[in-house]
Amino acid sequence: MLSIVKTKHLIEESLGAVSVKNLFSDHDYKQISVAILKVQGVNRMHVNTKSDEFHFVLNGDGSYTVDNDIDRVSEGDLVHIPKNMPFSNSGQMTLLVFTSPSYDPDAIEYLE
């Protein structure tokens, strides 16, 4: 069956420098979740111990830091973050984020 998510009706959750709109989550699908993530500043170093993450930059630009290496990203870039890889991101950007298996907030560990 076809599903259409009207994102304008979804609640945006503010988490400091990041705000999130969950489009599909664990209660919808076990294998994948999809969210719109707005980064407005620095999202501190953290690791997802359960899921791979894929971040597609819808607009804006920013950077990702892994092991003290900084990579710049901008509109149209896709970033793959394997599970258990500590990273931080920063900038002014809107991301379409896919996690597989589905996102679990208990699997996020902040490292700073």
N, C-alpha and C. Protein backbone atom coordinates (compact mmCIF):
# COMPACT_ATOMS: atom_id res chain seq x y z
N MET A 1 0.84 -1.17 0.00
CA MET A 1 0.00 0.00 0.00
C MET A 1 0.89 1.25 0.00
N LEU A 2 0.53 2.24 -0.76
CA LEU A 2 1.25 3.51 -0.84
C LEU A 2 1.06 4.31 0.44
N SER A 3 2.16 4.89 0.94
CA SER A 3 2.10 5.77 2.11
C SER A 3 2.64 7.13 1.72
N ILE A 4 1.96 8.16 2.15
CA ILE A 4 2.43 9.53 1.94
C ILE A 4 2.50 10.22 3.30
N VAL A 5 3.65 10.77 3.62
CA VAL A 5 3.84 11.48 4.88
C VAL A 5 3.80 12.97 4.58
N LYS A 6 2.87 13.66 5.19
CA LYS A 6 2.76 15.12 5.06
C LYS A 6 3.64 15.75 6.13
N THR A 7 4.86 16.11 5.76
CA THR A 7 5.84 16.57 6.74
C THR A 7 5.43 17.86 7.44
N LYS A 8 4.61 18.68 6.80
CA LYS A 8 4.22 19.94 7.43
C LYS A 8 3.35 19.70 8.67
N HIS A 9 2.78 18.51 8.81
CA HIS A 9 1.94 18.18 9.95
C HIS A 9 2.71 17.50 11.08
N LEU A 10 3.99 17.22 10.86
CA LEU A 10 4.79 16.54 11.87
C LEU A 10 5.38 17.53 12.86
N ILE A 11 5.55 17.07 14.08
CA ILE A 11 6.13 17.90 15.14
C ILE A 11 7.64 17.83 15.05
N GLU A 12 8.28 19.00 15.13
CA GLU A 12 9.73 19.08 15.12
C GLU A 12 10.22 19.11 16.56
N GLU A 13 11.13 18.20 16.89
CA GLU A 13 11.67 18.10 18.24
C GLU A 13 13.02 18.79 18.29
N SER A 14 13.18 19.73 19.21
CA SER A 14 14.44 20.46 19.35
C SER A 14 15.35 19.74 20.33
N LEU A 15 16.61 19.53 19.89
CA LEU A 15 17.61 18.86 20.73
C LEU A 15 18.87 19.73 20.79
N GLY A 16 18.73 20.96 21.17
CA GLY A 16 19.88 21.87 21.21
C GLY A 16 20.20 22.39 19.82
N ALA A 17 21.41 22.09 19.32
CA ALA A 17 21.85 22.57 18.01
C ALA A 17 21.18 21.81 16.87
N VAL A 18 20.39 20.80 17.21
CA VAL A 18 19.76 19.94 16.20
C VAL A 18 18.26 19.88 16.46
N SER A 19 17.48 19.90 15.39
CA SER A 19 16.05 19.63 15.52
C SER A 19 15.68 18.51 14.55
N VAL A 20 14.69 17.70 14.93
CA VAL A 20 14.37 16.48 14.19
C VAL A 20 12.88 16.38 13.94
N LYS A 21 12.53 15.97 12.71
CA LYS A 21 11.17 15.54 12.37
C LYS A 21 11.27 14.09 11.93
N ASN A 22 10.70 13.19 12.71
CA ASN A 22 10.72 11.77 12.35
C ASN A 22 9.62 11.47 11.34
N LEU A 23 10.03 10.97 10.16
CA LEU A 23 9.08 10.65 9.10
C LEU A 23 8.60 9.21 9.21
N PHE A 24 9.53 8.30 9.36
CA PHE A 24 9.23 6.89 9.62
C PHE A 24 10.13 6.46 10.75
N SER A 25 9.58 5.76 11.73
CA SER A 25 10.39 5.35 12.87
C SER A 25 10.11 3.89 13.21
N ASP A 26 10.65 3.47 14.34
CA ASP A 26 10.61 2.06 14.74
C ASP A 26 9.19 1.50 14.76
N HIS A 27 8.21 2.30 15.18
CA HIS A 27 6.85 1.76 15.23
C HIS A 27 6.26 1.56 13.84
N ASP A 28 6.86 2.20 12.81
CA ASP A 28 6.40 2.02 11.44
C ASP A 28 7.12 0.86 10.75
N TYR A 29 8.44 0.88 10.85
CA TYR A 29 9.28 -0.10 10.16
C TYR A 29 10.44 -0.49 11.06
N LYS A 30 10.77 -1.76 11.10
CA LYS A 30 11.88 -2.23 11.93
C LYS A 30 13.22 -2.07 11.23
N GLN A 31 13.24 -2.07 9.90
CA GLN A 31 14.50 -2.09 9.16
C GLN A 31 15.05 -0.72 8.80
N ILE A 32 14.21 0.30 8.83
CA ILE A 32 14.69 1.63 8.43
C ILE A 32 13.87 2.71 9.12
N SER A 33 14.53 3.82 9.38
CA SER A 33 13.80 5.01 9.81
C SER A 33 14.31 6.19 8.98
N VAL A 34 13.46 7.18 8.84
CA VAL A 34 13.77 8.35 8.02
C VAL A 34 13.38 9.59 8.82
N ALA A 35 14.26 10.59 8.80
CA ALA A 35 14.00 11.83 9.53
C ALA A 35 14.58 13.02 8.76
N ILE A 36 14.03 14.18 9.03
CA ILE A 36 14.63 15.43 8.58
C ILE A 36 15.34 16.03 9.79
N LEU A 37 16.62 16.28 9.64
CA LEU A 37 17.46 16.78 10.73
C LEU A 37 17.99 18.15 10.33
N LYS A 38 17.76 19.15 11.17
CA LYS A 38 18.31 20.48 10.92
C LYS A 38 19.45 20.72 11.90
N VAL A 39 20.63 20.95 11.36
CA VAL A 39 21.81 21.25 12.17
C VAL A 39 22.00 22.76 12.14
N GLN A 40 22.02 23.38 13.32
CA GLN A 40 22.20 24.82 13.47
C GLN A 40 23.27 25.07 14.52
N GLY A 41 24.50 24.73 14.19
CA GLY A 41 25.59 24.86 15.15
C GLY A 41 26.38 23.57 15.20
N VAL A 42 26.76 23.17 16.43
CA VAL A 42 27.59 21.98 16.62
C VAL A 42 26.79 20.87 17.27
N ASN A 43 26.70 19.74 16.60
CA ASN A 43 26.11 18.51 17.14
C ASN A 43 27.29 17.71 17.70
N ARG A 44 27.39 17.61 19.00
CA ARG A 44 28.59 17.07 19.64
C ARG A 44 28.89 15.62 19.27
N MET A 45 30.12 15.20 19.56
CA MET A 45 30.61 13.86 19.22
C MET A 45 29.71 12.80 19.85
N HIS A 46 29.29 11.84 19.01
CA HIS A 46 28.43 10.76 19.49
C HIS A 46 28.61 9.54 18.59
N VAL A 47 28.04 8.42 19.01
CA VAL A 47 28.13 7.18 18.25
C VAL A 47 26.77 6.48 18.29
N ASN A 48 26.40 5.88 17.17
CA ASN A 48 25.19 5.06 17.10
C ASN A 48 25.66 3.61 17.15
N THR A 49 25.35 2.91 18.23
CA THR A 49 25.85 1.55 18.43
C THR A 49 24.97 0.49 17.77
N LYS A 50 23.86 0.90 17.17
CA LYS A 50 22.94 -0.07 16.58
C LYS A 50 22.82 0.03 15.06
N SER A 51 22.87 1.24 14.52
CA SER A 51 22.48 1.46 13.13
C SER A 51 23.54 2.18 12.31
N ASP A 52 23.60 1.84 11.02
CA ASP A 52 24.30 2.68 10.05
C ASP A 52 23.43 3.90 9.81
N GLU A 53 24.07 5.03 9.53
CA GLU A 53 23.34 6.25 9.22
C GLU A 53 23.76 6.76 7.85
N PHE A 54 22.80 7.29 7.11
CA PHE A 54 23.04 7.91 5.82
C PHE A 54 22.46 9.31 5.88
N HIS A 55 23.28 10.33 5.68
CA HIS A 55 22.85 11.72 5.75
C HIS A 55 22.95 12.34 4.37
N PHE A 56 21.82 12.74 3.80
CA PHE A 56 21.79 13.43 2.51
C PHE A 56 21.56 14.91 2.77
N VAL A 57 22.47 15.76 2.29
CA VAL A 57 22.37 17.20 2.54
C VAL A 57 21.36 17.80 1.57
N LEU A 58 20.20 18.19 2.11
CA LEU A 58 19.15 18.81 1.30
C LEU A 58 19.49 20.26 0.96
N ASN A 59 20.00 20.99 1.95
CA ASN A 59 20.44 22.36 1.71
C ASN A 59 21.41 22.79 2.79
N GLY A 60 22.14 23.85 2.51
CA GLY A 60 23.12 24.37 3.45
C GLY A 60 24.46 23.69 3.29
N ASP A 61 25.32 23.94 4.27
CA ASP A 61 26.62 23.28 4.28
C ASP A 61 27.12 23.13 5.70
N GLY A 62 28.15 22.31 5.85
CA GLY A 62 28.68 22.04 7.17
C GLY A 62 29.87 21.12 7.09
N SER A 63 30.13 20.44 8.19
CA SER A 63 31.27 19.52 8.24
C SER A 63 30.96 18.35 9.16
N TYR A 64 31.70 17.27 8.92
CA TYR A 64 31.67 16.07 9.75
C TYR A 64 33.08 15.83 10.26
N THR A 65 33.18 15.48 11.54
CA THR A 65 34.48 15.20 12.14
C THR A 65 34.51 13.75 12.61
N VAL A 66 35.54 13.02 12.15
CA VAL A 66 35.80 11.64 12.56
C VAL A 66 37.30 11.52 12.80
N ASP A 67 37.69 11.05 13.98
CA ASP A 67 39.12 10.88 14.31
C ASP A 67 39.94 12.13 14.01
N ASN A 68 39.44 13.29 14.39
CA ASN A 68 40.12 14.58 14.16
C ASN A 68 40.24 14.98 12.70
N ASP A 69 39.68 14.20 11.78
CA ASP A 69 39.63 14.57 10.36
C ASP A 69 38.31 15.28 10.10
N ILE A 70 38.38 16.41 9.43
CA ILE A 70 37.19 17.20 9.13
C ILE A 70 36.92 17.17 7.64
N ASP A 71 35.69 16.78 7.27
CA ASP A 71 35.27 16.76 5.88
C ASP A 71 34.11 17.73 5.70
N ARG A 72 34.23 18.60 4.71
CA ARG A 72 33.18 19.57 4.39
C ARG A 72 32.11 18.91 3.53
N VAL A 73 30.86 19.30 3.74
CA VAL A 73 29.74 18.81 2.94
C VAL A 73 28.87 19.98 2.53
N SER A 74 28.13 19.78 1.44
CA SER A 74 27.20 20.80 0.98
C SER A 74 26.04 20.13 0.26
N GLU A 75 25.11 20.93 -0.19
CA GLU A 75 23.89 20.44 -0.84
C GLU A 75 24.19 19.37 -1.89
N GLY A 76 23.47 18.25 -1.78
CA GLY A 76 23.62 17.15 -2.74
C GLY A 76 24.58 16.06 -2.31
N ASP A 77 25.34 16.28 -1.23
CA ASP A 77 26.29 15.27 -0.75
C ASP A 77 25.57 14.22 0.09
N LEU A 78 26.08 12.99 0.05
CA LEU A 78 25.58 11.89 0.87
C LEU A 78 26.71 11.39 1.75
N VAL A 79 26.45 11.31 3.05
CA VAL A 79 27.44 10.86 4.03
C VAL A 79 26.97 9.54 4.61
N HIS A 80 27.84 8.51 4.60
CA HIS A 80 27.54 7.22 5.23
C HIS A 80 28.37 7.12 6.50
N ILE A 81 27.70 6.85 7.62
CA ILE A 81 28.35 6.69 8.91
C ILE A 81 28.04 5.29 9.41
N PRO A 82 29.02 4.37 9.36
CA PRO A 82 28.77 3.01 9.84
C PRO A 82 28.49 3.00 11.34
N LYS A 83 27.72 2.02 11.79
CA LYS A 83 27.46 1.91 13.23
C LYS A 83 28.79 1.80 13.96
N ASN A 84 28.81 2.28 15.18
CA ASN A 84 29.97 2.29 16.06
C ASN A 84 31.07 3.25 15.64
N MET A 85 30.81 4.16 14.71
CA MET A 85 31.80 5.17 14.32
C MET A 85 31.47 6.50 15.00
N PRO A 86 32.31 6.93 15.95
CA PRO A 86 32.08 8.22 16.59
C PRO A 86 32.24 9.36 15.58
N PHE A 87 31.32 10.34 15.65
CA PHE A 87 31.39 11.49 14.75
C PHE A 87 30.67 12.67 15.37
N SER A 88 30.99 13.83 14.85
CA SER A 88 30.21 15.03 15.14
C SER A 88 29.97 15.73 13.82
N ASN A 89 28.94 16.56 13.79
CA ASN A 89 28.72 17.37 12.61
C ASN A 89 28.34 18.78 13.05
N SER A 90 28.56 19.72 12.15
CA SER A 90 28.28 21.11 12.49
C SER A 90 28.00 21.89 11.22
N GLY A 91 27.42 23.06 11.40
CA GLY A 91 27.13 23.92 10.27
C GLY A 91 25.71 24.42 10.32
N GLN A 92 25.23 24.83 9.17
CA GLN A 92 23.86 25.29 8.97
C GLN A 92 23.32 24.48 7.80
N MET A 93 22.69 23.35 8.08
CA MET A 93 22.26 22.46 7.00
C MET A 93 21.04 21.66 7.40
N THR A 94 20.28 21.26 6.38
CA THR A 94 19.13 20.38 6.56
C THR A 94 19.48 19.06 5.90
N LEU A 95 19.29 17.98 6.66
CA LEU A 95 19.66 16.64 6.21
C LEU A 95 18.44 15.74 6.14
N LEU A 96 18.42 14.86 5.16
CA LEU A 96 17.47 13.75 5.14
C LEU A 96 18.26 12.55 5.64
N VAL A 97 17.86 12.01 6.80
CA VAL A 97 18.65 10.98 7.48
C VAL A 97 17.91 9.65 7.44
N PHE A 98 18.63 8.62 6.96
CA PHE A 98 18.14 7.25 6.95
C PHE A 98 18.98 6.46 7.93
N THR A 99 18.35 5.66 8.79
CA THR A 99 19.09 4.76 9.66
C THR A 99 18.58 3.35 9.45
N SER A 100 19.52 2.41 9.45
CA SER A 100 19.17 1.00 9.26
C SER A 100 20.09 0.13 10.11
N PRO A 101 19.50 -0.73 10.97
CA PRO A 101 18.07 -0.85 11.24
C PRO A 101 17.52 0.43 11.87
N SER A 102 16.23 0.43 12.13
CA SER A 102 15.51 1.61 12.57
C SER A 102 16.18 2.29 13.77
N TYR A 103 16.08 3.61 13.80
CA TYR A 103 16.70 4.44 14.84
C TYR A 103 16.21 4.04 16.23
N ASP A 104 17.17 3.96 17.16
CA ASP A 104 16.88 3.66 18.55
C ASP A 104 17.60 4.70 19.41
N PRO A 105 16.88 5.61 20.06
CA PRO A 105 17.56 6.66 20.84
C PRO A 105 18.44 6.10 21.95
N ASP A 106 18.14 4.90 22.44
CA ASP A 106 18.96 4.28 23.48
C ASP A 106 20.31 3.81 22.95
N ALA A 107 20.48 3.76 21.63
CA ALA A 107 21.74 3.31 21.02
C ALA A 107 22.68 4.48 20.73
N ILE A 108 22.29 5.69 21.10
CA ILE A 108 23.14 6.87 20.88
C ILE A 108 23.91 7.15 22.17
N GLU A 109 25.23 7.20 22.03
CA GLU A 109 26.10 7.51 23.18
C GLU A 109 26.86 8.79 22.87
N TYR A 110 26.69 9.80 23.73
CA TYR A 110 27.44 11.05 23.57
C TYR A 110 28.78 10.90 24.26
N LEU A 111 29.82 11.35 23.58
CA LEU A 111 31.19 11.12 24.03
C LEU A 111 31.85 12.36 24.61
N GLU A 112 31.17 13.48 24.58
CA GLU A 112 31.73 14.70 25.16
C GLU A 112 30.64 15.52 25.80
